[in-house]
Amino acid sequence: MARLDVQVVDVGPPADWVKINVRETNDSFEVYALVSGLSREEVRVQSDPASRLVITGQPKQLDNFWGVTAFKKVVNLPARIDQLRTNAGVTLHGCLHVHVPFAQQNL
């Protein structure tokens, strides 16, 4: 997998504690984010036709010991994506993985 330089933009207060890496395979982008301290229910991923992923986190307990804050990050991907086949999962250790297939070309 090749490592890419993609634009990740904070919407609202910066959340430097959320680390995001994007890799490209033959048919998809693989997006990895460390969202430690958040459960699956506290993380949301949305994709849109403009090749953007929006990753948001909203801790249920705002006054937590770890400094986990609400965040919203927009990941601008460098190619068209298939938003209907995009899927995500969060591990118990706070690792988010988003599989983002490329849009299929119209022949």
N, C-alpha and C. Protein backbone atom coordinates (compact mmCIF):
# COMPACT_ATOMS: atom_id res chain seq x y z
N MET A 1 0.84 -1.19 0.00
CA MET A 1 0.00 0.00 0.00
C MET A 1 0.88 1.24 0.00
N ALA A 2 0.51 2.18 -0.83
CA ALA A 2 1.24 3.43 -0.90
C ALA A 2 0.67 4.42 0.09
N ARG A 3 1.52 5.24 0.66
CA ARG A 3 1.07 6.28 1.60
C ARG A 3 0.77 7.54 0.81
N LEU A 4 -0.29 8.20 1.15
CA LEU A 4 -0.73 9.39 0.41
C LEU A 4 -0.65 10.64 1.26
N ASP A 5 -0.53 11.75 0.59
CA ASP A 5 -0.70 13.03 1.25
C ASP A 5 -2.10 13.51 0.93
N VAL A 6 -2.95 13.50 1.93
CA VAL A 6 -4.32 13.97 1.75
C VAL A 6 -4.56 15.10 2.72
N GLN A 7 -5.56 15.91 2.42
CA GLN A 7 -5.88 17.05 3.28
C GLN A 7 -6.87 16.61 4.35
N VAL A 8 -6.51 16.83 5.61
CA VAL A 8 -7.39 16.58 6.74
C VAL A 8 -7.62 17.92 7.43
N VAL A 9 -8.88 18.31 7.52
CA VAL A 9 -9.23 19.63 8.05
C VAL A 9 -10.09 19.47 9.30
N ASP A 10 -9.71 20.19 10.36
CA ASP A 10 -10.54 20.24 11.56
C ASP A 10 -11.68 21.22 11.32
N VAL A 11 -12.90 20.82 11.65
CA VAL A 11 -14.04 21.72 11.62
C VAL A 11 -14.37 22.00 13.08
N GLY A 12 -14.21 23.23 13.48
CA GLY A 12 -14.36 23.55 14.90
C GLY A 12 -13.01 23.49 15.60
N PRO A 13 -13.02 23.30 16.92
CA PRO A 13 -11.76 23.28 17.67
C PRO A 13 -10.83 22.16 17.19
N PRO A 14 -9.53 22.42 17.08
CA PRO A 14 -8.59 21.39 16.63
C PRO A 14 -8.57 20.21 17.60
N ALA A 15 -8.47 19.02 17.05
CA ALA A 15 -8.37 17.79 17.85
C ALA A 15 -7.10 17.08 17.44
N ASP A 16 -5.97 17.60 17.93
CA ASP A 16 -4.67 17.03 17.55
C ASP A 16 -4.47 15.62 18.08
N TRP A 17 -5.27 15.22 19.06
CA TRP A 17 -5.13 13.88 19.63
C TRP A 17 -5.66 12.80 18.69
N VAL A 18 -6.46 13.17 17.67
CA VAL A 18 -6.97 12.21 16.68
C VAL A 18 -5.96 12.13 15.54
N LYS A 19 -5.36 10.96 15.37
CA LYS A 19 -4.35 10.76 14.32
C LYS A 19 -4.99 10.02 13.15
N ILE A 20 -4.78 10.53 11.92
CA ILE A 20 -5.38 9.93 10.73
C ILE A 20 -4.31 9.63 9.70
N ASN A 21 -4.33 8.42 9.15
CA ASN A 21 -3.46 8.01 8.05
C ASN A 21 -4.34 7.46 6.94
N VAL A 22 -3.95 7.73 5.69
CA VAL A 22 -4.68 7.22 4.53
C VAL A 22 -3.70 6.50 3.63
N ARG A 23 -4.07 5.31 3.21
CA ARG A 23 -3.28 4.53 2.26
C ARG A 23 -4.15 4.18 1.06
N GLU A 24 -3.49 3.99 -0.08
CA GLU A 24 -4.19 3.64 -1.31
C GLU A 24 -3.82 2.22 -1.72
N THR A 25 -4.83 1.42 -2.08
CA THR A 25 -4.60 0.09 -2.63
C THR A 25 -4.98 0.14 -4.11
N ASN A 26 -5.04 -1.00 -4.75
CA ASN A 26 -5.40 -1.03 -6.17
C ASN A 26 -6.82 -0.57 -6.43
N ASP A 27 -7.71 -0.75 -5.45
CA ASP A 27 -9.12 -0.43 -5.70
C ASP A 27 -9.80 0.39 -4.61
N SER A 28 -9.01 0.91 -3.65
CA SER A 28 -9.65 1.64 -2.55
C SER A 28 -8.66 2.52 -1.80
N PHE A 29 -9.23 3.37 -0.98
CA PHE A 29 -8.47 4.06 0.06
C PHE A 29 -8.75 3.33 1.36
N GLU A 30 -7.75 3.21 2.20
CA GLU A 30 -7.90 2.65 3.53
C GLU A 30 -7.55 3.76 4.51
N VAL A 31 -8.52 4.16 5.30
CA VAL A 31 -8.35 5.28 6.23
C VAL A 31 -8.28 4.70 7.65
N TYR A 32 -7.24 5.08 8.36
CA TYR A 32 -7.03 4.62 9.73
C TYR A 32 -7.00 5.84 10.64
N ALA A 33 -7.74 5.77 11.75
CA ALA A 33 -7.74 6.89 12.70
C ALA A 33 -7.68 6.34 14.11
N LEU A 34 -6.84 6.96 14.93
CA LEU A 34 -6.80 6.63 16.36
C LEU A 34 -7.80 7.54 17.07
N VAL A 35 -8.82 6.93 17.64
CA VAL A 35 -9.85 7.67 18.37
C VAL A 35 -9.98 7.08 19.77
N SER A 36 -8.83 6.89 20.40
CA SER A 36 -8.78 6.27 21.72
C SER A 36 -9.66 7.01 22.71
N GLY A 37 -10.33 6.23 23.54
CA GLY A 37 -11.20 6.80 24.56
C GLY A 37 -12.64 6.94 24.12
N LEU A 38 -12.91 6.65 22.83
CA LEU A 38 -14.28 6.72 22.33
C LEU A 38 -14.79 5.32 21.99
N SER A 39 -16.06 5.08 22.27
CA SER A 39 -16.67 3.80 21.91
C SER A 39 -17.20 3.87 20.48
N ARG A 40 -17.60 2.74 19.96
CA ARG A 40 -18.17 2.69 18.61
C ARG A 40 -19.36 3.63 18.47
N GLU A 41 -20.16 3.71 19.51
CA GLU A 41 -21.35 4.56 19.46
C GLU A 41 -21.01 6.05 19.47
N GLU A 42 -19.80 6.39 19.87
CA GLU A 42 -19.41 7.80 19.97
C GLU A 42 -18.68 8.31 18.72
N VAL A 43 -18.46 7.43 17.75
CA VAL A 43 -17.75 7.80 16.52
C VAL A 43 -18.69 7.62 15.33
N ARG A 44 -18.68 8.59 14.43
CA ARG A 44 -19.54 8.53 13.24
C ARG A 44 -18.71 8.85 12.01
N VAL A 45 -18.97 8.12 10.92
CA VAL A 45 -18.27 8.35 9.66
C VAL A 45 -19.32 8.54 8.57
N GLN A 46 -19.15 9.60 7.78
CA GLN A 46 -20.02 9.84 6.64
C GLN A 46 -19.15 10.07 5.41
N SER A 47 -19.63 9.63 4.25
CA SER A 47 -18.93 9.91 3.00
C SER A 47 -19.88 10.64 2.07
N ASP A 48 -19.31 11.38 1.13
CA ASP A 48 -20.16 12.10 0.18
C ASP A 48 -19.58 11.99 -1.23
N PRO A 49 -20.38 12.36 -2.25
CA PRO A 49 -19.93 12.23 -3.64
C PRO A 49 -18.74 13.11 -3.99
N ALA A 50 -18.42 14.09 -3.16
CA ALA A 50 -17.28 14.98 -3.43
C ALA A 50 -15.97 14.38 -2.92
N SER A 51 -15.96 13.06 -2.67
CA SER A 51 -14.75 12.34 -2.24
C SER A 51 -14.24 12.82 -0.88
N ARG A 52 -15.19 13.08 0.01
CA ARG A 52 -14.83 13.49 1.37
C ARG A 52 -15.37 12.49 2.37
N LEU A 53 -14.57 12.26 3.41
CA LEU A 53 -15.05 11.53 4.58
C LEU A 53 -15.16 12.53 5.71
N VAL A 54 -16.24 12.45 6.46
CA VAL A 54 -16.40 13.30 7.64
C VAL A 54 -16.41 12.36 8.84
N ILE A 55 -15.42 12.52 9.70
CA ILE A 55 -15.30 11.69 10.90
C ILE A 55 -15.57 12.58 12.10
N THR A 56 -16.57 12.19 12.89
CA THR A 56 -16.91 12.97 14.07
C THR A 56 -16.87 12.07 15.31
N GLY A 57 -16.55 12.68 16.42
CA GLY A 57 -16.55 11.98 17.70
C GLY A 57 -17.22 12.84 18.74
N GLN A 58 -18.05 12.20 19.55
CA GLN A 58 -18.76 12.92 20.60
C GLN A 58 -18.76 12.06 21.86
N PRO A 59 -17.80 12.31 22.78
CA PRO A 59 -17.78 11.52 24.02
C PRO A 59 -19.03 11.79 24.86
N LYS A 60 -19.57 10.71 25.41
CA LYS A 60 -20.75 10.86 26.27
C LYS A 60 -20.38 11.58 27.56
N GLN A 61 -19.17 11.32 28.04
CA GLN A 61 -18.71 11.95 29.28
C GLN A 61 -17.68 13.02 28.90
N LEU A 62 -18.08 14.28 28.96
CA LEU A 62 -17.21 15.37 28.51
C LEU A 62 -16.09 15.67 29.50
N ASP A 63 -16.31 15.41 30.79
CA ASP A 63 -15.28 15.70 31.79
C ASP A 63 -14.50 14.43 32.11
N ASN A 64 -13.88 13.84 31.08
CA ASN A 64 -13.15 12.59 31.26
C ASN A 64 -11.70 12.87 31.63
N PHE A 65 -11.03 11.88 32.16
CA PHE A 65 -9.64 12.03 32.63
C PHE A 65 -8.63 12.08 31.50
N TRP A 66 -9.00 11.66 30.31
CA TRP A 66 -8.03 11.52 29.22
C TRP A 66 -7.95 12.72 28.31
N GLY A 67 -8.80 13.70 28.51
CA GLY A 67 -8.77 14.87 27.64
C GLY A 67 -9.42 14.63 26.29
N VAL A 68 -10.27 13.61 26.20
CA VAL A 68 -10.98 13.31 24.95
C VAL A 68 -12.07 14.35 24.76
N THR A 69 -12.03 15.02 23.63
CA THR A 69 -12.98 16.10 23.34
C THR A 69 -13.77 15.75 22.08
N ALA A 70 -14.88 16.44 21.91
CA ALA A 70 -15.65 16.28 20.68
C ALA A 70 -14.81 16.80 19.51
N PHE A 71 -14.96 16.17 18.34
CA PHE A 71 -14.20 16.61 17.16
C PHE A 71 -14.98 16.33 15.90
N LYS A 72 -14.57 17.04 14.84
CA LYS A 72 -15.07 16.79 13.49
C LYS A 72 -13.92 17.04 12.54
N LYS A 73 -13.57 16.01 11.77
CA LYS A 73 -12.49 16.12 10.80
C LYS A 73 -13.01 15.75 9.42
N VAL A 74 -12.59 16.52 8.42
CA VAL A 74 -12.96 16.24 7.04
C VAL A 74 -11.69 15.76 6.32
N VAL A 75 -11.78 14.57 5.73
CA VAL A 75 -10.67 13.98 4.98
C VAL A 75 -11.01 14.10 3.51
N ASN A 76 -10.23 14.92 2.79
CA ASN A 76 -10.44 15.11 1.35
C ASN A 76 -9.59 14.10 0.60
N LEU A 77 -10.24 13.17 -0.10
CA LEU A 77 -9.53 12.11 -0.82
C LEU A 77 -9.29 12.53 -2.27
N PRO A 78 -8.16 12.08 -2.87
CA PRO A 78 -7.76 12.58 -4.18
C PRO A 78 -8.42 11.89 -5.38
N ALA A 79 -9.44 11.06 -5.19
CA ALA A 79 -10.12 10.42 -6.31
C ALA A 79 -11.58 10.18 -5.94
N ARG A 80 -12.42 9.97 -6.95
CA ARG A 80 -13.84 9.72 -6.69
C ARG A 80 -14.01 8.41 -5.93
N ILE A 81 -14.97 8.40 -5.00
CA ILE A 81 -15.20 7.22 -4.16
C ILE A 81 -16.62 6.69 -4.36
N ASP A 82 -16.80 5.44 -3.99
CA ASP A 82 -18.12 4.81 -4.02
C ASP A 82 -18.69 4.88 -2.60
N GLN A 83 -19.47 5.90 -2.33
CA GLN A 83 -19.94 6.13 -0.97
C GLN A 83 -20.88 5.04 -0.49
N LEU A 84 -21.55 4.33 -1.39
CA LEU A 84 -22.48 3.28 -0.99
C LEU A 84 -21.77 2.02 -0.52
N ARG A 85 -20.53 1.81 -0.97
CA ARG A 85 -19.78 0.62 -0.56
C ARG A 85 -18.75 0.94 0.52
N THR A 86 -18.72 2.16 1.00
CA THR A 86 -17.80 2.55 2.07
C THR A 86 -18.30 1.95 3.39
N ASN A 87 -17.37 1.36 4.16
CA ASN A 87 -17.77 0.81 5.45
C ASN A 87 -16.69 1.07 6.48
N ALA A 88 -17.11 1.11 7.74
CA ALA A 88 -16.19 1.47 8.83
C ALA A 88 -16.43 0.59 10.04
N GLY A 89 -15.37 0.48 10.85
CA GLY A 89 -15.46 -0.23 12.12
C GLY A 89 -14.49 0.36 13.12
N VAL A 90 -14.86 0.30 14.38
CA VAL A 90 -14.02 0.79 15.47
C VAL A 90 -13.72 -0.39 16.39
N THR A 91 -12.45 -0.62 16.69
CA THR A 91 -12.08 -1.70 17.61
C THR A 91 -12.28 -1.24 19.05
N LEU A 92 -12.21 -2.19 19.96
CA LEU A 92 -12.33 -1.86 21.38
C LEU A 92 -11.17 -1.00 21.87
N HIS A 93 -10.07 -0.97 21.10
CA HIS A 93 -8.89 -0.19 21.48
C HIS A 93 -8.88 1.21 20.85
N GLY A 94 -9.99 1.60 20.22
CA GLY A 94 -10.08 2.94 19.67
C GLY A 94 -9.40 3.14 18.33
N CYS A 95 -9.33 2.08 17.54
CA CYS A 95 -8.76 2.18 16.19
C CYS A 95 -9.90 2.13 15.18
N LEU A 96 -10.06 3.20 14.43
CA LEU A 96 -11.08 3.28 13.39
C LEU A 96 -10.46 2.89 12.07
N HIS A 97 -11.12 2.00 11.32
CA HIS A 97 -10.69 1.64 9.97
C HIS A 97 -11.87 1.87 9.04
N VAL A 98 -11.63 2.64 7.96
CA VAL A 98 -12.67 2.90 6.97
C VAL A 98 -12.17 2.40 5.62
N HIS A 99 -12.92 1.47 5.02
CA HIS A 99 -12.62 0.95 3.69
C HIS A 99 -13.43 1.79 2.70
N VAL A 100 -12.74 2.48 1.78
CA VAL A 100 -13.38 3.42 0.87
C VAL A 100 -13.05 3.02 -0.57
N PRO A 101 -13.92 2.23 -1.22
CA PRO A 101 -13.66 1.81 -2.60
C PRO A 101 -13.69 3.00 -3.56
N PHE A 102 -12.89 2.90 -4.61
CA PHE A 102 -12.94 3.91 -5.67
C PHE A 102 -14.29 3.80 -6.38
N ALA A 103 -14.76 4.90 -6.93
CA ALA A 103 -15.97 4.88 -7.74
C ALA A 103 -15.69 4.05 -8.99
N GLN A 104 -16.65 3.26 -9.39
CA GLN A 104 -16.49 2.47 -10.61
C GLN A 104 -16.73 3.39 -11.79
N GLN A 105 -15.84 3.28 -12.76
CA GLN A 105 -15.92 4.14 -13.94
C GLN A 105 -17.06 3.67 -14.86
N ASN A 106 -17.78 4.61 -15.44
CA ASN A 106 -18.81 4.26 -16.41
C ASN A 106 -18.14 3.95 -17.73
N LEU A 107 -18.44 2.78 -18.26
CA LEU A 107 -17.81 2.36 -19.52
C LEU A 107 -18.68 2.70 -20.69
